[in-house]
């Protein structure tokens, strides 16, 4: 049980440049590229300075959100990839799956809330989802399986369970980067899980009384997230 107590981590096991890792690398790059392209496209459609940029895809009065195309791409690529395939089809399907994931996660807030909040304050959850998915995918690609297996199956299961618990608590406390990094380096997520939650986080809303929420607001004063706006654009003022 020593591995479970120490939360052993084995970094550097993966080789993203190896031929066997090429589909995963291409899927990751395609995911990032698709997200950046569709988010930039949406911002250009919103801007009056570029009226020549193509608008949304519609059928009559029906606006077809790009998450629809993303879901279709992931379903098609996912099902076909279950069959025995050789190169270059494995790489092609990986790229299609990555593009679909990027298009779908860009509208994460929409399919979470079942309403169009793309440019509302709630729409920032889409950017948060990508901020979680991108580092997690990159770390898995570079690091590989981060847990030591020498302690046996029980210790491995406890390691993974504890890492998930602390990472999830950190994320629910509004510390996304801490939670993601902490899955690979659990000491980081343990600190994030123990310390005070951010005032706007789900943890603070559900578990903090007025006094503790006041402490959180003093610790984490409200301010504009410029890096989030740089990635996803500023929400509409009246939304």
Protein backbone atom coordinates (compact mmCIF):
# COMPACT_ATOMS: atom_id res chain seq x y z
CA UNK A 1 0.00 0.00 0.00
CA UNK A 2 3.03 2.27 0.03
CA UNK A 3 2.37 3.35 -3.57
CA UNK A 4 -1.16 4.37 -2.61
CA UNK A 5 0.07 6.46 0.29
CA UNK A 6 2.83 8.16 -1.67
CA UNK A 7 0.74 8.58 -4.84
CA UNK A 8 3.68 7.45 -6.92
CA UNK A 9 4.04 9.17 -10.27
CA UNK A 10 6.08 7.91 -13.19
CA UNK A 11 6.75 10.81 -15.55
CA UNK A 12 8.21 10.62 -19.02
CA UNK A 13 7.03 7.13 -20.03
CA UNK A 14 5.42 8.25 -23.31
CA UNK A 15 7.04 9.23 -26.58
CA UNK A 16 4.66 11.49 -28.57
CA UNK A 17 6.92 11.23 -31.64
CA UNK A 18 6.82 7.44 -31.80
CA UNK A 19 4.84 5.96 -34.75
CA UNK A 20 2.42 4.31 -32.32
CA UNK A 21 1.65 7.71 -30.76
CA UNK A 22 1.20 9.54 -34.08
CA UNK A 23 -2.64 9.23 -34.18
CA UNK A 24 -2.91 10.65 -30.66
CA UNK A 25 -0.56 13.51 -31.50
CA UNK A 26 -2.48 14.34 -34.69
CA UNK A 27 -5.81 14.18 -32.83
CA UNK A 28 -4.47 16.57 -30.19
CA UNK A 29 -3.14 19.05 -32.76
CA UNK A 30 -6.40 18.83 -34.75
CA UNK A 31 -8.41 19.45 -31.57
CA UNK A 32 -6.49 22.62 -30.76
CA UNK A 33 -6.55 23.80 -34.37
CA UNK A 34 -10.30 23.24 -34.75
CA UNK A 35 -11.08 25.05 -31.51
CA UNK A 36 -8.89 28.04 -32.37
CA UNK A 37 -10.30 28.23 -35.91
CA UNK A 38 -13.97 28.02 -34.95
CA UNK A 39 -13.58 30.41 -32.00
CA UNK A 40 -11.74 32.91 -34.22
CA UNK A 41 -14.39 32.47 -36.91
CA UNK A 42 -17.18 33.17 -34.39
CA UNK A 43 -15.38 36.31 -33.22
CA UNK A 44 -14.96 37.52 -36.80
CA UNK A 45 -18.67 36.94 -37.50
CA UNK A 46 -19.43 39.03 -34.44
CA UNK A 47 -17.16 41.90 -35.49
CA UNK A 48 -18.58 44.69 -37.70
CA UNK A 49 -15.06 45.27 -39.05
CA UNK A 50 -15.13 42.09 -41.15
CA UNK A 51 -18.60 41.94 -42.77
CA UNK A 52 -17.18 39.77 -45.56
CA UNK A 53 -16.53 36.82 -43.22
CA UNK A 54 -18.97 33.91 -43.88
CA UNK A 55 -21.86 33.62 -41.45
CA UNK A 56 -23.37 30.65 -39.64
CA UNK A 57 -24.75 27.58 -41.37
CA UNK A 58 -28.55 27.67 -41.49
CA UNK A 59 -31.40 25.69 -43.00
CA UNK A 60 -34.35 28.02 -43.32
CA UNK A 61 -34.92 29.46 -39.86
CA UNK A 62 -32.85 26.73 -38.22
CA UNK A 63 -29.34 27.69 -37.12
CA UNK A 64 -27.11 24.60 -37.19
CA UNK A 65 -24.56 24.95 -34.41
CA UNK A 66 -21.06 23.72 -35.13
CA UNK A 67 -21.27 21.23 -32.28
CA UNK A 68 -23.60 19.24 -34.57
CA UNK A 69 -20.82 18.82 -37.11
CA UNK A 70 -18.43 18.00 -34.28
CA UNK A 71 -20.65 15.25 -32.89
CA UNK A 72 -21.11 13.74 -36.37
CA UNK A 73 -17.35 13.77 -36.98
CA UNK A 74 -16.60 12.12 -33.63
CA UNK A 75 -19.27 9.44 -34.15
CA UNK A 76 -18.12 8.59 -37.67
CA UNK A 77 -14.40 8.62 -36.81
CA UNK A 78 -14.95 6.79 -33.54
CA UNK A 79 -17.01 3.95 -35.01
CA UNK A 80 -14.74 3.45 -38.03
CA UNK A 81 -11.65 3.43 -35.80
CA UNK A 82 -13.03 0.38 -33.99
CA UNK A 83 -12.31 -1.67 -37.11
CA UNK A 84 -8.77 -2.93 -37.95
CA UNK A 85 -7.02 -0.14 -39.84
CA UNK A 86 -3.53 0.58 -41.04
CA UNK A 87 -1.70 3.82 -41.71
CA UNK A 88 -2.64 6.35 -43.07
CA UNK A 89 -6.31 5.69 -42.22
CA UNK A 90 -5.63 5.60 -38.48
CA UNK A 91 -4.04 9.05 -38.71
CA UNK A 92 -6.85 10.41 -40.91
CA UNK A 93 -9.52 9.23 -38.49
CA UNK A 94 -7.54 10.65 -35.57
CA UNK A 95 -7.51 14.06 -37.25
CA UNK A 96 -11.26 13.88 -37.92
CA UNK A 97 -11.93 12.89 -34.31
CA UNK A 98 -9.76 15.76 -33.03
CA UNK A 99 -11.57 18.27 -35.26
CA UNK A 100 -14.92 16.99 -34.02
CA UNK A 101 -13.81 17.28 -30.40
CA UNK A 102 -12.65 20.87 -30.94
CA UNK A 103 -15.95 21.90 -32.58
CA UNK A 104 -17.99 20.17 -29.87
CA UNK A 105 -16.13 21.48 -26.83
CA UNK A 106 -16.26 25.03 -28.22
CA UNK A 107 -19.99 24.87 -27.49
CA UNK A 108 -19.71 22.93 -24.24
CA UNK A 109 -21.80 25.53 -22.38
CA UNK A 110 -24.61 25.13 -24.93
CA UNK A 111 -24.95 21.37 -24.57
CA UNK A 112 -24.49 21.64 -20.81
CA UNK A 113 -27.33 24.19 -20.42
CA UNK A 114 -29.38 23.29 -23.52
CA UNK A 115 -29.60 26.93 -24.57
CA UNK A 116 -27.49 29.28 -26.67
CA UNK A 117 -25.19 31.07 -24.21
CA UNK A 118 -22.18 31.28 -26.54
CA UNK A 119 -21.60 35.00 -25.93
CA UNK A 120 -23.22 35.14 -22.49
CA UNK A 121 -21.25 35.04 -19.24
CA UNK A 122 -22.17 31.37 -18.88
CA UNK A 123 -20.60 30.73 -22.28
CA UNK A 124 -17.16 31.06 -20.71
CA UNK A 125 -17.66 27.51 -19.46
CA UNK A 126 -16.85 26.40 -23.01
CA UNK A 127 -13.45 28.06 -22.76
CA UNK A 128 -12.98 26.51 -19.31
CA UNK A 129 -13.75 23.07 -20.74
CA UNK A 130 -11.10 23.48 -23.42
CA UNK A 131 -8.64 24.83 -20.85
CA UNK A 132 -9.17 21.60 -18.89
CA UNK A 133 -9.13 19.27 -21.90
CA UNK A 134 -6.09 20.73 -23.68
CA UNK A 135 -3.54 20.46 -20.84
CA UNK A 136 -4.94 17.08 -19.82
CA UNK A 137 -4.61 15.75 -23.36
CA UNK A 138 -1.15 17.26 -23.73
CA UNK A 139 0.07 15.79 -20.46
CA UNK A 140 -1.28 12.34 -21.32
CA UNK A 141 0.40 12.57 -24.71
CA UNK A 142 3.76 13.60 -23.25
CA UNK A 143 3.70 11.74 -19.94
CA UNK A 144 1.63 8.69 -20.77
CA UNK A 145 0.17 6.71 -17.89
CA UNK A 146 1.31 8.70 -14.85
CA UNK A 147 0.84 6.12 -12.10
CA UNK A 148 3.36 3.54 -10.97
CA UNK A 149 2.14 -0.04 -11.35
CA UNK A 150 4.76 -1.74 -9.20
CA UNK A 151 2.58 -1.68 -6.09
CA UNK A 152 -0.10 -3.98 -7.49
CA UNK A 153 -3.67 -3.49 -8.68
CA UNK A 154 -5.12 -2.40 -5.34
CA UNK A 155 -2.48 0.27 -4.76
CA UNK A 156 -2.89 1.46 -8.36
CA UNK A 157 -6.66 1.76 -7.96
CA UNK A 158 -6.22 3.74 -4.72
CA UNK A 159 -3.64 6.00 -6.38
CA UNK A 160 -5.96 6.82 -9.27
CA UNK A 161 -8.97 7.24 -6.98
CA UNK A 162 -7.20 9.67 -4.64
CA UNK A 163 -5.75 11.65 -7.56
CA UNK A 164 -9.23 11.96 -9.08
CA UNK A 165 -10.78 13.02 -5.78
CA UNK A 166 -8.25 15.79 -5.08
CA UNK A 167 -8.23 16.98 -8.70
CA UNK A 168 -12.04 17.09 -8.82
CA UNK A 169 -12.24 19.04 -5.56
CA UNK A 170 -9.67 21.53 -6.86
CA UNK A 171 -11.65 22.04 -10.07
CA UNK A 172 -14.93 22.43 -8.16
CA UNK A 173 -13.16 25.04 -6.02
CA UNK A 174 -12.51 27.06 -9.16
CA UNK A 175 -8.85 26.07 -9.56
CA UNK A 176 -8.90 24.47 -12.98
CA UNK A 177 -5.18 24.54 -13.72
CA UNK A 178 -4.38 23.18 -10.26
CA UNK A 179 -6.83 20.33 -10.70
CA UNK A 180 -5.53 19.31 -14.11
CA UNK A 181 -1.85 19.50 -13.16
CA UNK A 182 -2.62 17.82 -9.85
CA UNK A 183 -3.85 14.66 -11.55
CA UNK A 184 -0.26 14.09 -12.64
CA UNK A 185 1.37 15.65 -9.57
CA UNK A 186 -1.12 14.99 -6.76
CA UNK A 187 0.65 17.20 -4.20
CA UNK A 188 -0.49 20.19 -6.27
CA UNK A 189 -4.15 19.15 -6.21
CA UNK A 190 -3.97 18.25 -2.52
CA UNK A 191 -2.94 21.85 -1.75
CA UNK A 192 -5.67 23.17 -4.06
CA UNK A 193 -8.28 20.93 -2.42
CA UNK A 194 -7.35 21.97 1.11
CA UNK A 195 -7.13 25.71 0.57
CA UNK A 196 -10.01 28.19 0.25
CA UNK A 197 -12.26 27.96 -2.81
CA UNK A 198 -12.81 30.85 -5.19
CA UNK A 199 -16.04 32.73 -4.39
CA UNK A 200 -17.71 32.03 -7.76
CA UNK A 201 -16.95 28.32 -7.73
CA UNK A 202 -19.58 25.56 -7.32
CA UNK A 203 -17.89 24.54 -4.05
CA UNK A 204 -18.31 28.01 -2.55
CA UNK A 205 -21.93 28.29 -3.70
CA UNK A 206 -22.90 24.97 -2.16
CA UNK A 207 -20.78 24.76 0.98
CA UNK A 208 -19.82 28.26 2.14
CA UNK A 209 -21.82 30.44 4.47
CA UNK A 210 -21.67 34.24 4.43
CA UNK A 211 -18.56 34.48 6.59
CA UNK A 212 -16.50 32.00 4.61
CA UNK A 213 -17.70 33.43 1.30
CA UNK A 214 -16.59 36.87 2.47
CA UNK A 215 -13.15 35.42 3.21
CA UNK A 216 -13.04 33.90 -0.26
CA UNK A 217 -14.04 37.21 -1.89
CA UNK A 218 -11.30 38.99 0.03
CA UNK A 219 -8.77 36.32 -0.94
CA UNK A 220 -9.85 36.24 -4.60
CA UNK A 221 -11.13 39.74 -5.52
CA UNK A 222 -13.29 39.94 -8.65
CA UNK A 223 -11.38 40.95 -11.75
CA UNK A 224 -11.67 40.49 -15.48
CA UNK A 225 -10.00 37.38 -16.82
CA UNK A 226 -8.03 38.92 -19.67
CA UNK A 227 -6.43 35.66 -20.78
CA UNK A 228 -9.87 34.02 -20.97
CA UNK A 229 -11.19 36.92 -23.03
CA UNK A 230 -8.10 36.73 -25.23
CA UNK A 231 -8.89 33.10 -26.01
CA UNK A 232 -12.67 33.16 -26.17
CA UNK A 233 -13.66 36.79 -26.61
CA UNK A 234 -15.51 39.04 -24.17
CA UNK A 235 -19.14 38.15 -23.34
CA UNK A 236 -21.96 40.45 -24.39
CA UNK A 237 -22.55 43.18 -21.82
CA UNK A 238 -26.29 42.57 -21.59
CA UNK A 239 -26.18 38.79 -21.82
